[in-house]
């Protein structure tokens, strides 16, 4: 992330959006339920020309540091695979949120599975791939 991008996080419009996301999540990690650790707001996807506060609420998640790190790991795996267009990433992020909101699925589990399938499509299934997702 560029230095300019980080400066946008000090903008009052982002601070307001961040507060809305944290309040919607009732100040708990939306993945593990942690409420005692610092929470971060995770963008489910990035679009080059959007400012941090211009994303739809459903694409923003309150995550503890550990879960945020895992979500970013999954994003890097998908990006490295280079398989998914922005439209597909957008659709997957929306699908994950709908399933999580309905209680059908765990966001991190789904993100890991998406990354695993994408990696397998590009590189083929290997033991290393399976071990990387089951530490």
Protein backbone atom coordinates (compact mmCIF):
# COMPACT_ATOMS: atom_id res chain seq x y z
CA UNK A 1 0.00 0.00 0.00
CA UNK A 2 1.37 3.41 -0.90
CA UNK A 3 2.10 6.21 1.51
CA UNK A 4 -0.69 8.24 -0.09
CA UNK A 5 -3.16 5.44 0.60
CA UNK A 6 -2.24 5.40 4.30
CA UNK A 7 -2.82 9.15 4.56
CA UNK A 8 -6.41 8.60 3.40
CA UNK A 9 -7.09 6.65 6.60
CA UNK A 10 -6.82 9.91 8.55
CA UNK A 11 -9.62 11.46 6.48
CA UNK A 12 -12.82 12.11 8.51
CA UNK A 13 -14.89 10.31 5.85
CA UNK A 14 -12.91 7.11 6.47
CA UNK A 15 -13.07 7.56 10.24
CA UNK A 16 -16.87 7.81 10.00
CA UNK A 17 -17.13 4.75 7.72
CA UNK A 18 -14.76 2.78 10.00
CA UNK A 19 -16.87 3.61 13.05
CA UNK A 20 -20.04 2.47 11.20
CA UNK A 21 -18.39 -0.89 10.36
CA UNK A 22 -17.20 -1.44 13.94
CA UNK A 23 -20.61 -0.53 15.37
CA UNK A 24 -22.37 -2.83 12.87
CA UNK A 25 -20.09 -5.66 14.06
CA UNK A 26 -20.86 -4.73 17.68
CA UNK A 27 -17.15 -4.16 18.28
CA UNK A 28 -16.32 -7.84 17.75
CA UNK A 29 -14.22 -9.59 15.13
CA UNK A 30 -16.63 -10.81 12.48
CA UNK A 31 -14.61 -13.98 12.06
CA UNK A 32 -13.65 -15.23 15.51
CA UNK A 33 -15.87 -13.08 17.74
CA UNK A 34 -12.92 -11.58 19.66
CA UNK A 35 -13.89 -8.38 21.46
CA UNK A 36 -10.86 -7.64 23.64
CA UNK A 37 -8.28 -6.99 20.89
CA UNK A 38 -7.86 -4.00 18.62
CA UNK A 39 -10.06 -4.28 15.55
CA UNK A 40 -9.21 -3.28 12.01
CA UNK A 41 -11.56 -2.69 9.12
CA UNK A 42 -10.75 -5.02 6.24
CA UNK A 43 -11.65 -4.21 2.64
CA UNK A 44 -13.04 -7.35 0.98
CA UNK A 45 -11.65 -6.13 -2.34
CA UNK A 46 -9.81 -3.12 -3.75
CA UNK A 47 -10.65 -1.08 -6.78
CA UNK A 48 -7.82 1.16 -7.97
CA UNK A 49 -9.64 4.48 -8.15
CA UNK A 50 -11.80 4.19 -5.00
CA UNK A 51 -11.03 5.93 -1.75
CA UNK A 52 -11.22 3.76 1.41
CA UNK A 53 -14.60 5.26 2.42
CA UNK A 54 -16.19 4.77 -1.03
CA UNK A 55 -16.70 1.02 -0.64
CA UNK A 56 -20.10 -0.53 0.03
CA UNK A 57 -20.71 -1.47 3.68
CA UNK A 58 -21.07 -5.18 2.84
CA UNK A 59 -17.47 -5.23 1.55
CA UNK A 60 -15.98 -3.94 4.81
CA UNK A 61 -15.33 -6.27 7.75
CA UNK A 62 -14.32 -5.73 11.38
CA UNK A 63 -11.44 -8.13 12.07
CA UNK A 64 -8.97 -8.64 14.91
CA UNK A 65 -5.27 -8.50 13.98
CA UNK A 66 -4.94 -12.28 13.59
CA UNK A 67 -8.00 -12.65 11.36
CA UNK A 68 -7.04 -9.55 9.37
CA UNK A 69 -3.60 -11.04 8.76
CA UNK A 70 -5.22 -14.28 7.54
CA UNK A 71 -7.60 -12.35 5.27
CA UNK A 72 -4.68 -10.46 3.74
CA UNK A 73 -2.81 -13.74 3.27
CA UNK A 74 -5.78 -15.12 1.37
CA UNK A 75 -5.96 -11.97 -0.76
CA UNK A 76 -2.25 -12.30 -1.62
CA UNK A 77 -2.76 -15.92 -2.66
CA UNK A 78 -5.58 -14.97 -4.98
CA UNK A 79 -3.63 -12.04 -6.37
CA UNK A 80 -0.55 -14.19 -6.92
CA UNK A 81 -2.58 -16.70 -8.81
CA UNK A 82 -3.73 -13.93 -11.10
CA UNK A 83 -6.82 -15.90 -12.01
CA UNK A 84 -9.65 -13.67 -10.87
CA UNK A 85 -10.84 -10.53 -12.59
CA UNK A 86 -11.98 -7.60 -10.46
CA UNK A 87 -15.60 -8.49 -11.27
CA UNK A 88 -15.12 -12.04 -9.97
CA UNK A 89 -13.35 -10.78 -6.82
CA UNK A 90 -16.23 -8.34 -6.26
CA UNK A 91 -18.83 -11.09 -6.70
CA UNK A 92 -16.96 -13.48 -4.38
CA UNK A 93 -16.63 -10.80 -1.68
CA UNK A 94 -20.37 -10.16 -1.89
CA UNK A 95 -21.16 -13.88 -1.75
CA UNK A 96 -18.90 -14.40 1.27
CA UNK A 97 -20.60 -11.55 3.13
CA UNK A 98 -24.11 -12.82 2.36
CA UNK A 99 -23.18 -16.31 3.60
CA UNK A 100 -21.47 -14.96 6.72
CA UNK A 101 -24.38 -12.62 7.52
CA UNK A 102 -26.84 -15.50 7.17
CA UNK A 103 -24.75 -17.67 9.49
CA UNK A 104 -24.13 -20.27 6.78
CA UNK A 105 -20.37 -19.83 6.51
CA UNK A 106 -17.28 -18.55 8.27
CA UNK A 107 -15.61 -15.71 6.34
CA UNK A 108 -12.05 -16.86 6.92
CA UNK A 109 -12.80 -20.46 6.03
CA UNK A 110 -14.38 -19.33 2.77
CA UNK A 111 -11.49 -16.96 1.98
CA UNK A 112 -8.98 -19.78 2.56
CA UNK A 113 -10.98 -22.15 0.37
CA UNK A 114 -11.21 -19.58 -2.45
CA UNK A 115 -7.44 -19.02 -2.24
CA UNK A 116 -6.78 -22.77 -2.20
CA UNK A 117 -8.99 -23.47 -5.24
CA UNK A 118 -7.45 -20.57 -7.16
CA UNK A 119 -3.93 -21.75 -6.30
CA UNK A 120 -4.76 -25.30 -7.38
CA UNK A 121 -6.16 -24.02 -10.70
CA UNK A 122 -2.90 -22.26 -11.45
CA UNK A 123 -0.27 -24.54 -9.91
CA UNK A 124 -2.05 -27.86 -9.39
CA UNK A 125 -2.71 -29.51 -6.04
CA UNK A 126 0.39 -30.18 -3.96
CA UNK A 127 1.05 -31.26 -0.40
CA UNK A 128 2.64 -27.87 0.23
CA UNK A 129 -0.62 -26.17 -0.75
CA UNK A 130 -2.61 -28.29 1.67
CA UNK A 131 -0.10 -27.75 4.50
CA UNK A 132 -0.08 -23.99 3.95
CA UNK A 133 -3.83 -23.88 4.64
CA UNK A 134 -3.77 -26.22 7.61
CA UNK A 135 -0.99 -24.98 9.90
